[in-house]
Amino acid sequence: MTGITARITALFRVKANKALDRAEDPREVLDYSYEQQLGMLQRVRRGVADVATSRKRVELQVNQLQQSKDKLQAQAEQALAADREDLAREALTRRTAVASQITDLEDQLVSLREQEEKLTLAAQRLQAKVDAFRTRKETIKATYTAAEAQTRITEAVTGIGEELGDVGLAMQRAQDKTEQMQARAGALDELMASGALEDATVPAGRDDIQAELERMSAGQDVERELARMKAELPAASTPAAVEAGEAVEAVEAPERSKGPADPEVTS
């Protein structure tokens, strides 16, 4: 179970690293690193300020003790002049203690000055690194932005982008269906022209000659009816009526000529 758990954990880390790598934006990472360096620089500057404050405080203490030392020296001299050797001895004793304190503070002051110089130098070096990193960061960000834009333009031109790729596939499918439909229509036209297929809109048993004969018969019926209607008009003696009657006779004459055959002949 331990081995399986370790493998699952490793697989999860690999998947997580890949997902983070896809979601990671180098520009955001650079900005974050720059902010971290600025925070570090700010902390170093605060350290320098704190050390400088401590140094200044020690310097003030040294000055105050130095004034106290000088004052005790003067008091000892005055006491000795007044024939107060005991007071002079006490003043000199205190002066010695103050001098010892001054020595200790001066040693501490030297240490603080060294620390301040080191921190100041470190802050200056860190400032230079931060400035260099900022310049490098902006250069990398500009290069990455340009490369990203060029990549998108190239994908748009070549159609290999995800969205444009889907559009290209849709267009290809539409073109394939159109060509397939055109090919089917052409094949059906060829089959109809060759007679392999019949027109479903034409009744069975009717060909082109039959249709032409029916159209001629329908035209004669129309002319016959029109002539009859003209003959029945009131002005039957007018030239137009006479012509209409003649037209009727001319149309009906062939029909009468096609009357029943002579019985003698048929027999």
Protein backbone atom coordinates (compact mmCIF):
# COMPACT_ATOMS: atom_id res chain seq x y z
CA MET A 1 0.00 0.00 0.00
CA THR A 2 2.87 2.34 0.74
CA GLY A 3 4.26 1.93 -2.78
CA ILE A 4 0.86 2.57 -4.38
CA THR A 5 0.33 5.65 -2.21
CA ALA A 6 3.74 7.00 -3.19
CA ARG A 7 3.02 6.43 -6.88
CA ILE A 8 -0.38 8.14 -6.60
CA THR A 9 1.22 11.07 -4.78
CA ALA A 10 3.93 11.39 -7.43
CA LEU A 11 1.36 11.21 -10.22
CA PHE A 12 -0.74 13.88 -8.54
CA ARG A 13 2.30 16.14 -8.24
CA VAL A 14 3.17 15.63 -11.90
CA LYS A 15 -0.37 16.48 -12.98
CA ALA A 16 -0.44 19.49 -10.67
CA ASN A 17 2.92 20.73 -12.00
CA LYS A 18 1.70 20.42 -15.59
CA ALA A 19 -1.51 22.27 -14.79
CA LEU A 20 0.41 25.01 -13.02
CA ASP A 21 2.87 25.26 -15.89
CA ARG A 22 0.03 25.78 -18.37
CA ALA A 23 -1.63 28.38 -16.14
CA GLU A 24 1.62 30.15 -15.24
CA ASP A 25 2.27 33.53 -16.84
CA PRO A 26 6.01 34.43 -16.83
CA ARG A 27 5.14 38.12 -16.61
CA GLU A 28 3.20 37.61 -13.40
CA VAL A 29 6.02 35.52 -11.95
CA LEU A 30 8.56 38.24 -12.77
CA ASP A 31 6.38 40.94 -11.22
CA TYR A 32 5.94 38.83 -8.09
CA SER A 33 9.71 38.24 -7.82
CA TYR A 34 10.33 41.95 -8.23
CA GLU A 35 7.88 42.75 -5.45
CA GLN A 36 9.61 40.22 -3.20
CA GLN A 37 12.98 41.86 -3.86
CA LEU A 38 11.53 45.29 -3.14
CA GLY A 39 10.21 43.97 0.17
CA MET A 40 13.65 42.58 1.03
CA LEU A 41 15.28 45.89 0.14
CA GLN A 42 12.78 47.72 2.31
CA ARG A 43 13.59 45.46 5.27
CA VAL A 44 17.33 46.06 4.81
CA ARG A 45 16.75 49.81 4.72
CA ARG A 46 14.72 49.61 7.93
CA GLY A 47 17.61 47.66 9.50
CA VAL A 48 20.04 50.39 8.48
CA ALA A 49 17.74 53.01 9.95
CA ASP A 50 17.41 51.06 13.21
CA VAL A 51 21.18 50.68 13.54
CA ALA A 52 21.68 54.35 12.77
CA THR A 53 19.12 55.23 15.42
CA SER A 54 20.91 53.07 17.98
CA ARG A 55 24.25 54.62 17.05
CA LYS A 56 22.84 58.10 17.44
CA ARG A 57 21.41 57.22 20.85
CA VAL A 58 24.78 55.87 22.03
CA GLU A 59 26.52 58.99 20.75
CA LEU A 60 24.16 61.13 22.81
CA GLN A 61 24.86 59.01 25.89
CA VAL A 62 28.60 59.34 25.32
CA ASN A 63 28.30 63.10 25.06
CA GLN A 64 26.23 63.28 28.23
CA LEU A 65 28.72 61.09 30.12
CA GLN A 66 31.59 63.15 28.77
CA GLN A 67 29.94 66.29 30.12
CA SER A 68 29.37 64.55 33.45
CA LYS A 69 33.03 63.45 33.53
CA ASP A 70 34.24 66.98 32.90
CA LYS A 71 31.90 68.30 35.59
CA LEU A 72 33.18 65.76 38.17
CA GLN A 73 36.74 66.71 37.28
CA ALA A 74 35.97 70.35 37.96
CA GLN A 75 34.18 69.52 41.23
CA ALA A 76 37.16 67.46 42.43
CA GLU A 77 39.47 70.35 41.76
CA GLN A 78 37.17 72.76 43.60
CA ALA A 79 36.86 70.43 46.59
CA LEU A 80 40.61 70.00 46.77
CA ALA A 81 41.06 73.77 46.62
CA ALA A 82 38.60 74.11 49.51
CA ASP A 83 40.65 71.62 51.52
CA ARG A 84 37.92 68.96 51.15
CA GLU A 85 40.01 66.04 50.16
CA ASP A 86 37.18 63.60 50.91
CA LEU A 87 34.86 65.32 48.47
CA ALA A 88 37.61 65.53 45.92
CA ARG A 89 38.27 61.80 46.31
CA GLU A 90 34.52 61.02 45.85
CA ALA A 91 34.30 63.19 42.74
CA LEU A 92 37.34 61.50 41.25
CA THR A 93 35.87 58.07 42.03
CA ARG A 94 32.64 58.94 40.21
CA ARG A 95 34.66 60.40 37.37
CA THR A 96 36.49 57.10 36.99
CA ALA A 97 33.19 55.17 36.82
CA VAL A 98 31.83 57.57 34.22
CA ALA A 99 35.01 57.21 32.19
CA SER A 100 34.58 53.42 32.27
CA GLN A 101 31.02 53.78 30.99
CA ILE A 102 32.23 56.08 28.25
CA THR A 103 34.79 53.50 27.18
CA ASP A 104 32.17 50.76 27.00
CA LEU A 105 29.79 52.98 25.03
CA GLU A 106 32.55 54.00 22.65
CA ASP A 107 33.30 50.32 21.96
CA GLN A 108 29.59 49.75 21.35
CA LEU A 109 29.51 52.83 19.15
CA VAL A 110 32.33 51.46 17.02
CA SER A 111 30.46 48.17 16.60
CA LEU A 112 27.26 49.98 15.63
CA ARG A 113 29.10 52.07 13.09
CA GLU A 114 30.61 48.94 11.53
CA GLN A 115 27.17 47.30 11.37
CA GLU A 116 25.69 50.43 9.87
CA GLU A 117 28.37 50.56 7.20
CA LYS A 118 27.87 46.89 6.34
CA LEU A 119 24.10 47.25 6.14
CA THR A 120 24.43 50.41 4.07
CA LEU A 121 26.76 48.65 1.65
CA ALA A 122 24.42 45.65 1.50
CA ALA A 123 21.44 47.94 0.83
CA GLN A 124 23.34 49.64 -1.97
CA ARG A 125 24.29 46.33 -3.57
CA LEU A 126 20.75 45.01 -3.19
CA GLN A 127 19.40 48.22 -4.72
CA ALA A 128 21.69 47.74 -7.71
CA LYS A 129 20.52 44.14 -8.11
CA VAL A 130 16.88 45.18 -7.84
CA ASP A 131 17.38 47.88 -10.48
CA ALA A 132 19.11 45.40 -12.78
CA PHE A 133 16.37 42.85 -12.20
CA ARG A 134 13.72 45.44 -12.98
CA THR A 135 15.40 46.28 -16.29
CA ARG A 136 15.79 42.61 -17.14
CA LYS A 137 12.20 41.95 -16.07
CA GLU A 138 10.76 44.60 -18.36
CA THR A 139 12.88 43.31 -21.24
CA ILE A 140 11.71 39.73 -20.74
CA LYS A 141 8.08 40.84 -20.39
CA ALA A 142 8.26 42.85 -23.61
CA THR A 143 9.91 39.93 -25.44
CA TYR A 144 7.32 37.47 -24.12
CA THR A 145 4.44 39.78 -25.07
CA ALA A 146 5.83 40.18 -28.59
CA ALA A 147 6.35 36.42 -28.95
CA GLU A 148 2.83 35.76 -27.68
CA ALA A 149 1.34 38.23 -30.14
CA GLN A 150 3.37 36.77 -33.01
CA THR A 151 2.27 33.27 -32.07
CA ARG A 152 -1.39 34.26 -32.04
CA ILE A 153 -1.06 36.02 -35.39
CA THR A 154 0.68 33.00 -36.89
CA GLU A 155 -2.01 30.69 -35.52
CA ALA A 156 -4.67 32.97 -36.96
CA VAL A 157 -3.00 33.01 -40.37
CA THR A 158 -2.31 29.28 -40.51
CA GLY A 159 -5.57 28.30 -38.79
CA ILE A 160 -3.90 26.00 -36.27
CA GLY A 161 -5.32 27.84 -33.29
CA GLU A 162 -7.95 26.11 -31.17
CA GLU A 163 -10.86 28.40 -32.08
CA LEU A 164 -9.83 28.95 -35.69
CA GLY A 165 -9.11 25.25 -35.98
CA ASP A 166 -12.73 24.50 -35.08
CA VAL A 167 -13.88 27.05 -37.67
CA GLY A 168 -11.62 25.47 -40.27
CA LEU A 169 -13.01 22.01 -39.53
CA ALA A 170 -16.57 23.31 -39.81
CA MET A 171 -15.79 24.93 -43.16
CA GLN A 172 -14.15 21.72 -44.37
CA ARG A 173 -17.20 19.67 -43.37
CA ALA A 174 -19.52 22.15 -45.12
CA GLN A 175 -17.39 22.02 -48.27
CA ASP A 176 -17.35 18.21 -48.22
CA LYS A 177 -21.14 18.09 -47.87
CA THR A 178 -21.57 20.62 -50.68
CA GLU A 179 -19.33 18.62 -53.02
CA GLN A 180 -21.16 15.43 -52.08
CA MET A 181 -24.53 17.04 -52.82
CA GLN A 182 -23.28 18.41 -56.14
CA ALA A 183 -21.98 14.99 -57.10
CA ARG A 184 -25.33 13.39 -56.20
CA ALA A 185 -27.26 15.97 -58.22
CA GLY A 186 -25.00 15.40 -61.22
CA ALA A 187 -25.39 11.64 -60.96
CA LEU A 188 -29.19 11.93 -60.83
CA ASP A 189 -29.21 14.19 -63.90
CA GLU A 190 -27.13 11.67 -65.82
CA LEU A 191 -29.45 8.81 -64.77
CA MET A 192 -32.54 10.75 -65.84
CA ALA A 193 -30.95 11.70 -69.16
CA SER A 194 -30.04 8.07 -69.84
CA GLY A 195 -33.56 6.88 -68.98
CA ALA A 196 -32.48 4.83 -65.99
CA LEU A 197 -34.71 6.98 -63.81
CA GLU A 198 -38.19 8.33 -64.61
CA ASP A 199 -39.64 11.71 -63.72
CA ALA A 200 -42.13 11.05 -60.90
CA THR A 201 -44.11 14.19 -61.83
CA VAL A 202 -45.05 12.73 -65.25
CA PRO A 203 -47.93 10.17 -65.25
CA ALA A 204 -47.02 6.66 -66.24
CA GLY A 205 -47.38 5.78 -69.90
CA ARG A 206 -46.99 9.34 -71.22
CA ASP A 207 -44.02 10.26 -73.34
CA ASP A 208 -43.00 13.49 -75.09
CA ILE A 209 -44.96 12.73 -78.32
CA GLN A 210 -48.15 12.02 -76.40
CA ALA A 211 -47.77 15.26 -74.49
CA GLU A 212 -47.27 17.21 -77.74
CA LEU A 213 -50.40 15.68 -79.30
CA GLU A 214 -52.45 16.57 -76.24
CA ARG A 215 -51.28 20.17 -76.39
CA MET A 216 -52.28 20.40 -80.11
CA SER A 217 -55.73 18.95 -79.41
CA ALA A 218 -56.26 21.35 -76.53
CA GLY A 219 -55.35 24.29 -78.79
CA GLN A 220 -57.90 23.20 -81.46
CA ASP A 221 -60.63 22.89 -78.83
CA VAL A 222 -59.95 26.44 -77.69
CA GLU A 223 -60.12 27.83 -81.22
CA ARG A 224 -63.36 25.96 -81.93
CA GLU A 225 -65.02 27.25 -78.78
CA LEU A 226 -63.89 30.81 -79.48
CA ALA A 227 -65.33 30.71 -83.02
CA ARG A 228 -68.64 29.34 -81.77
CA MET A 229 -68.94 32.12 -79.22
CA LYS A 230 -68.29 34.75 -81.87
CA ALA A 231 -70.97 33.23 -84.12
CA GLU A 232 -73.57 33.48 -81.41
CA LEU A 233 -73.10 37.24 -81.05
CA PRO A 234 -76.22 39.44 -81.99
CA ALA A 235 -74.54 41.11 -84.99
CA ALA A 236 -74.39 37.90 -86.94
CA SER A 237 -74.47 39.68 -90.31
CA THR A 238 -71.34 41.71 -89.69
CA PRO A 239 -68.15 40.87 -91.55
CA ALA A 240 -66.64 39.78 -88.26
CA ALA A 241 -69.49 37.33 -87.71
CA VAL A 242 -69.19 36.05 -91.26
CA GLU A 243 -65.49 35.52 -90.77
CA ALA A 244 -66.16 33.80 -87.47
CA GLY A 245 -68.66 31.46 -89.17
CA GLU A 246 -66.19 30.70 -91.88
CA ALA A 247 -63.61 29.98 -89.27
CA VAL A 248 -65.96 27.56 -87.56
CA GLU A 249 -66.70 25.86 -90.91
CA ALA A 250 -63.02 25.66 -91.62
CA VAL A 251 -62.37 24.00 -88.28
CA GLU A 252 -65.32 21.59 -88.42
CA ALA A 253 -64.89 20.62 -92.11
CA PRO A 254 -62.02 18.22 -91.42
CA GLU A 255 -64.02 16.69 -88.61
CA ARG A 256 -67.00 16.01 -90.85
CA SER A 257 -64.74 14.58 -93.52
CA LYS A 258 -63.71 12.02 -90.93
CA GLY A 259 -67.33 10.78 -90.61
CA PRO A 260 -68.40 7.13 -90.74
CA ALA A 261 -67.37 5.18 -93.82
CA ASP A 262 -69.79 4.23 -96.60
CA PRO A 263 -71.63 1.09 -95.60
CA GLU A 264 -71.21 -0.31 -99.01
CA VAL A 265 -67.51 0.13 -98.88
CA THR A 266 -67.16 -1.34 -95.42
CA SER A 267 -69.25 -4.30 -96.38
